[in-house]
């Protein structure tokens, strides 16, 4: 037997032992860094490598050096760096990205009145498309590779959230879009529109794997009218769709919304199909029923802190068995699209609340912003962790740029010391979409400039009509409640 033949047999044995086909063409090979898979059954970081196939999914992930004979179109040497799944914002309002820093001294309803209501009459065609692109790319540049976009807007116009849908389809980012009822139309009209939306979405999912799912952005409880939750409950059942509802967010309406819980039960909304955004001011009775129904929640620490909405009792919710994820909420209400700051805000506030450093760990909160969010949104079969068969959506973090010192606990380093300054690259489906401070998939400067111009137009229109526009106030003294 010739040496060449012996080498061929050895290579076949090697590749087959790793479950790899020697003729497969791989898109990417990533090696050399500490890989945090976020697999709850294997918490230890992997010093190894993984392969991305031509469909953008992880084909293999292993410890140790890369065996000879394995190659790919792109080889990424991540030596000295940290690799983890892309962050998931399980509750987002991407279109709000151009309206940050407004009403800095207001709680939820005052902020809504100042930051959004004045602009309502002045939206024009293309505004929501541009603003959503702007917000989505801002998310990508902060390491958020998947988001749930709750498509509310100030006028609740069907065309506006369809612009948001089209904008997200244009982005290299996984998403779930929540369709919202139009409160100016009948249930019949809304059902017809939802039917068309579902049909379009199901068709698009076959050709665009960035669209993970369709959902309902539930508006009913926000309208103070018991009619709309019943519409939404029937639509959830008839179209087999999840829904996401703002609930128990603002302390000003805590008692009112607690009383509305019976509406959620009676309308059929309270089920495994529902997830609550915020859910800060629960009580034991509501919590028990929520968990029993399989309903979940999304925690938004940055937004809740900015608007003084309160601190959700996450350790207690965990004891009850509530499934939880995390979100950045609207960029106008959290101001930063930064999952690192979101995690630190939540972690440190919870530790202060309990006066215990053991009540929540770095791993636990990192898991909530990745795999936990994927589980809440029912998309953990595709995103949220680095596992064979899932999409290769991952981040490369460089702890030396800027340097944060030697690494003793990699999870603590990620959560407590790293920031978006350490974010070297963002990959979606194995393709680089952000690298060294630059978005690669789109002309972000052009989209950014257009967003600024569109907001300037709206401000000019407000002034021309003699309407008040957002104005800052400055104080040198503290005001106690």
Foldseek 3Di string as FASTA:
>chain_A
DDPVVVVVVVLCVVQVVQVHDLPFAFAEKEAAAFEQQLPPVDRHTARTIWTFGPQQFTAGTDHDYDDPSDDYPYYHHQHQWYKWFFFEAAAEAQLLQVQAPFPQPAFDVVCCVFRAQLLVVPDDPPSLLLSNLLSVVLLVLQRHQEYEHLHDHNQQDQNSVVSNVVSQLLDLGAYEYAAEARVVDDLVVRLVVVVVVVVVLVVVCVVGVSDPYYAHAQCCVVVVDLVRLLSVQVCCVVVVHAYEYAALQAPVCNVVRQVCLVSCVVSNNQALSYEYEDPARDDPVSLLSSVVRNYAYEHAQLLCVSNVRHARQVLVSVVSPHQYAYRNYYCRRSVHSHVLVRLVSNQVVNCVVVVHNPSDDLSRNLQRRFQSSCVNNVNNQATRGRDGPHRPWMWIFNCVQVPPDDDDDVSCCSNPPDTSSRTAFTDTSNHTQDGPSDGDSDPNVVSVVVSVVSVVVSVVVCVVVVHDHGDDDDDPDDDDD
